[in-house]
Amino acid sequence: MQATLLSILGLALLGTLHAQDSIPVQTDFQQDKLTGRWYSIGLASNSNWFKEKKHLMKMCTTIISTTAEGNLEVTSTYPKGDECVTRNSLYIKTEQPGRFSYTSPREYPASMGQPCCPCSCLGADLELRAELYLMSLTGWGSKHNIHVVDTNYEEYALVATQISKSTGSSTMVLLYSRTKELSPERLEMFTQFSREQGLTDDEILILPQTDKCMADAA
C-alpha cells in the first residue's frame, strides 16, 4: 500500500512540475517592493475545501516582510467565526526571482483544521484525519510552489500557487491590493488569469469586504 501511495505521490508531483512551466513570473521582480501590507481581494482554487467553504470567506490582510536570509515572511490575519486568526508562513526564495517555495508542517493538530491558504482554514475533520494518515506513511506535508505573476507593487499583486500533497494537487490564485478596492480592469485580469489556469467561474471568488480583524493586522 505504501508503494502505491508513493507512486501516486510521484505522479502528482510530476504533474505539478509541468504545470509550473506554464505559470509566468513578474519580469525584473523587485522583492523589496513587495513588502508591506496587502488586502486579499480575490481568491480562486479548485480544492475541495474552497468549494465547500467559499461562502464563509471574507477579505483578510497580509503583511509581507523580508528575512535576513532573503526569504519572505508572510503573516495573514483573517476572521474565523468570532475570532481573528493569524497564520505565519515562510516563503523560501528559489533560483528564479519572483518564485518561492513553502512546505507546510507534516502534522496538524485537529484544532487547527487542515493545511490551508491565507484567509480560510476551514477544513473538515475527517479529511484532516485521512490526510494525516497518508502523511504518516509518506512523511510529506503539502508543498507550495508560489509565483508572483504580475504586480506594480503600489496597487496590486497577482500570485499563483501550485499545491502538492499526498492526496493530490490543486491550484490557487490570489489577488492582493494595497487598498480594499481595485478597479474592474484589475478584477477582470484576475478572473481571466484564473480561467487560463483551468479554474471555472464557480472556483473564482471576489472576497466580500469586512472591517473585522483589520485592526489586528496593523
Protein backbone atom coordinates (compact mmCIF):
# COMPACT_ATOMS: atom_id res chain seq x y z
CA MET A 1 0.00 0.00 0.00
CA GLN A 2 2.83 2.37 0.87
CA ALA A 3 4.48 1.77 -2.52
CA THR A 4 1.19 2.57 -4.28
CA LEU A 5 0.78 5.79 -2.32
CA LEU A 6 4.31 6.86 -3.15
CA SER A 7 3.69 6.15 -6.84
CA ILE A 8 0.57 8.32 -6.79
CA LEU A 9 2.51 11.00 -4.95
CA GLY A 10 5.24 10.93 -7.60
CA LEU A 11 2.73 11.28 -10.44
CA ALA A 12 1.07 14.23 -8.68
CA LEU A 13 4.43 15.94 -8.24
CA LEU A 14 5.32 15.37 -11.89
CA GLY A 15 2.04 16.92 -12.98
CA THR A 16 2.67 19.91 -10.76
CA LEU A 17 6.15 20.44 -12.20
CA HIS A 18 4.69 20.51 -15.71
CA ALA A 19 2.02 22.98 -14.58
CA GLN A 20 4.67 25.30 -13.15
CA ASP A 21 6.25 25.67 -16.59
CA SER A 22 3.12 27.44 -17.83
CA ILE A 23 2.90 29.96 -14.97
CA PRO A 24 4.67 33.25 -15.72
CA VAL A 25 6.68 35.28 -13.21
CA GLN A 26 6.93 39.06 -12.93
CA THR A 27 9.70 40.39 -15.17
CA ASP A 28 12.56 42.08 -13.28
CA PHE A 29 10.96 41.15 -9.97
CA GLN A 30 11.96 43.51 -7.13
CA GLN A 31 11.37 41.71 -3.87
CA ASP A 32 11.83 44.68 -1.56
CA LYS A 33 8.92 46.48 -3.26
CA LEU A 34 6.54 43.62 -2.49
CA THR A 35 6.88 44.03 1.27
CA GLY A 36 4.31 45.77 3.43
CA ARG A 37 0.58 45.47 3.96
CA TRP A 38 -1.82 43.92 1.44
CA TYR A 39 -5.52 43.13 1.35
CA SER A 40 -6.79 39.92 -0.23
CA ILE A 41 -9.28 40.92 -2.91
CA GLY A 42 -9.73 37.76 -4.97
CA LEU A 43 -9.25 34.06 -4.32
CA ALA A 44 -9.60 31.17 -6.78
CA SER A 45 -8.98 27.49 -6.13
CA ASN A 46 -10.02 24.05 -7.35
CA SER A 47 -9.52 22.40 -3.96
CA ASN A 48 -12.45 20.71 -2.23
CA TRP A 49 -12.30 22.86 0.90
CA PHE A 50 -12.68 26.01 -1.22
CA LYS A 51 -15.79 24.70 -2.96
CA GLU A 52 -17.35 23.75 0.36
CA LYS A 53 -16.45 26.84 2.37
CA LYS A 54 -16.14 29.75 -0.07
CA HIS A 55 -19.49 31.19 1.08
CA LEU A 56 -17.87 31.81 4.50
CA MET A 57 -14.74 33.56 3.27
CA LYS A 58 -14.03 37.26 3.73
CA MET A 59 -11.31 39.70 2.84
CA CYS A 60 -8.21 39.46 5.02
CA THR A 61 -4.92 41.29 5.49
CA THR A 62 -1.42 40.04 4.77
CA ILE A 63 1.87 41.55 5.90
CA ILE A 64 4.95 40.63 3.85
CA SER A 65 8.47 41.21 5.15
CA THR A 66 11.96 40.09 4.11
CA THR A 67 14.11 37.95 6.37
CA ALA A 68 17.87 38.31 6.82
CA GLU A 69 18.32 35.31 4.50
CA GLY A 70 16.36 36.99 1.73
CA ASN A 71 13.20 34.91 2.12
CA LEU A 72 9.67 36.24 2.64
CA GLU A 73 7.79 36.08 5.91
CA VAL A 74 4.06 36.18 5.17
CA THR A 75 1.62 36.89 8.03
CA SER A 76 -2.11 36.74 7.28
CA THR A 77 -4.88 37.73 9.68
CA TYR A 78 -8.45 36.72 8.87
CA PRO A 79 -11.83 36.30 10.56
CA LYS A 80 -12.86 32.78 11.56
CA GLY A 81 -16.17 32.72 13.35
CA ASP A 82 -15.98 35.23 16.19
CA GLU A 83 -12.20 35.18 16.31
CA CYS A 84 -9.29 36.71 14.45
CA VAL A 85 -6.74 34.10 13.42
CA THR A 86 -3.15 34.78 12.37
CA ARG A 87 -1.07 32.42 10.22
CA ASN A 88 2.66 32.79 9.60
CA SER A 89 4.39 31.24 6.57
CA LEU A 90 7.99 31.38 5.40
CA TYR A 91 8.37 31.55 1.61
CA ILE A 92 11.82 30.33 0.60
CA LYS A 93 13.39 32.07 -2.39
CA THR A 94 14.40 29.96 -5.39
CA GLU A 95 16.93 30.48 -8.16
CA GLN A 96 14.25 32.40 -10.10
CA PRO A 97 13.35 35.85 -8.70
CA GLY A 98 9.62 36.02 -8.06
CA ARG A 99 9.23 32.30 -7.40
CA PHE A 100 9.20 30.84 -3.90
CA SER A 101 8.62 27.51 -2.18
CA TYR A 102 6.82 26.70 1.03
CA THR A 103 6.41 23.35 2.77
CA SER A 104 3.67 23.06 5.35
CA PRO A 105 4.29 21.20 8.62
CA ARG A 106 3.93 17.43 8.35
CA GLU A 107 1.37 17.23 11.13
CA TYR A 108 -1.53 19.44 12.20
CA PRO A 109 -3.38 19.27 15.50
CA ALA A 110 -7.12 18.71 14.96
CA SER A 111 -7.94 22.10 16.49
CA MET A 112 -6.16 23.88 13.63
CA GLY A 113 -8.04 22.29 10.74
CA GLN A 114 -6.35 21.14 7.55
CA PRO A 115 -3.47 22.92 5.76
CA CYS A 116 -4.91 25.99 4.06
CA CYS A 117 -4.35 29.17 2.16
CA PRO A 118 -4.46 32.59 3.84
CA CYS A 119 -7.98 33.67 4.92
CA SER A 120 -9.61 30.26 5.05
CA CYS A 121 -8.52 27.45 7.41
CA LEU A 122 -11.89 25.71 7.36
CA GLY A 123 -11.16 22.03 6.60
CA ALA A 124 -13.29 19.05 7.53
CA ASP A 125 -12.06 16.93 10.43
CA LEU A 126 -12.49 13.62 8.60
CA GLU A 127 -10.47 14.86 5.63
CA LEU A 128 -7.78 16.06 8.02
CA ARG A 129 -7.54 12.67 9.71
CA ALA A 130 -7.27 10.90 6.35
CA GLU A 131 -4.53 13.26 5.23
CA LEU A 132 -2.57 12.88 8.46
CA TYR A 133 -2.72 9.11 8.00
CA LEU A 134 -1.28 9.43 4.50
CA MET A 135 1.37 11.82 5.76
CA SER A 136 2.38 9.24 8.38
CA LEU A 137 3.05 6.80 5.54
CA THR A 138 4.81 9.17 3.16
CA GLY A 139 6.41 11.56 5.68
CA TRP A 140 5.49 14.50 3.48
CA GLY A 141 3.47 17.66 4.08
CA SER A 142 1.95 19.82 1.36
CA LYS A 143 4.43 21.62 -0.88
CA HIS A 144 3.61 25.05 -2.32
CA ASN A 145 5.27 26.48 -5.41
CA ILE A 146 4.48 30.19 -5.42
CA HIS A 147 4.76 32.51 -8.42
CA VAL A 148 4.41 36.30 -8.27
CA VAL A 149 2.78 36.52 -11.68
CA ASP A 150 2.20 40.25 -12.05
CA THR A 151 2.48 43.31 -9.83
CA ASN A 152 3.09 47.04 -9.98
CA TYR A 153 3.94 46.93 -6.23
CA GLU A 154 1.93 50.07 -5.40
CA GLU A 155 -1.54 48.84 -6.38
CA TYR A 156 -1.93 45.10 -6.91
CA ALA A 157 -0.15 41.73 -6.91
CA LEU A 158 -1.31 38.57 -8.66
CA VAL A 159 0.07 35.38 -7.10
CA ALA A 160 -0.41 31.80 -8.30
CA THR A 161 0.40 28.71 -6.25
CA GLN A 162 0.62 25.04 -7.21
CA ILE A 163 -0.01 22.86 -4.15
CA SER A 164 1.06 19.21 -3.98
CA LYS A 165 0.19 16.88 -1.14
CA SER A 166 -0.36 13.19 -0.50
CA THR A 167 -3.99 13.32 -1.62
CA GLY A 168 -3.33 15.11 -4.92
CA SER A 169 -2.61 18.59 -6.25
CA SER A 170 -4.51 21.85 -6.63
CA THR A 171 -4.14 25.36 -7.99
CA MET A 172 -4.70 28.60 -6.10
CA VAL A 173 -4.68 32.18 -7.39
CA LEU A 174 -4.70 35.21 -5.08
CA LEU A 175 -5.23 38.85 -5.96
CA TYR A 176 -3.75 41.30 -3.45
CA SER A 177 -4.36 45.04 -3.24
CA ARG A 178 -2.82 47.86 -1.24
CA THR A 179 -6.37 49.13 -0.62
CA LYS A 180 -9.71 47.43 0.00
CA GLU A 181 -10.88 48.05 -3.56
CA LEU A 182 -9.47 47.53 -7.05
CA SER A 183 -10.63 48.70 -10.45
CA PRO A 184 -12.90 46.47 -12.57
CA GLU A 185 -9.99 46.07 -15.00
CA ARG A 186 -7.78 44.52 -12.29
CA LEU A 187 -10.59 42.23 -11.15
CA GLU A 188 -11.13 41.08 -14.73
CA MET A 189 -7.39 40.43 -15.07
CA PHE A 190 -7.57 38.16 -12.01
CA THR A 191 -10.64 36.35 -13.32
CA GLN A 192 -9.19 35.84 -16.78
CA PHE A 193 -5.85 34.57 -15.46
CA SER A 194 -7.65 32.13 -13.13
CA ARG A 195 -9.59 30.76 -16.09
CA GLU A 196 -6.35 30.34 -18.01
CA GLN A 197 -5.12 28.13 -15.16
CA GLY A 198 -8.08 25.83 -15.71
CA LEU A 199 -10.29 27.21 -12.93
CA THR A 200 -14.01 27.56 -13.53
CA ASP A 201 -16.20 30.52 -12.63
CA ASP A 202 -17.54 28.57 -9.63
CA GLU A 203 -13.95 28.33 -8.37
CA ILE A 204 -13.29 32.08 -8.62
CA LEU A 205 -14.33 34.46 -5.84
CA ILE A 206 -14.10 38.20 -5.24
CA LEU A 207 -13.86 38.26 -1.45
CA PRO A 208 -16.52 40.30 0.41
CA GLN A 209 -15.19 43.30 2.27
CA THR A 210 -15.14 43.30 6.05
CA ASP A 211 -13.76 45.51 8.80
CA LYS A 212 -13.37 42.57 11.15
CA CYS A 213 -9.78 41.70 12.14
CA MET A 214 -8.34 44.52 10.03
CA ALA A 215 -7.01 46.36 13.08
CA ASP A 216 -5.40 43.14 14.38
CA ALA A 217 -3.10 43.09 11.36
CA ALA A 218 -1.84 46.65 11.77
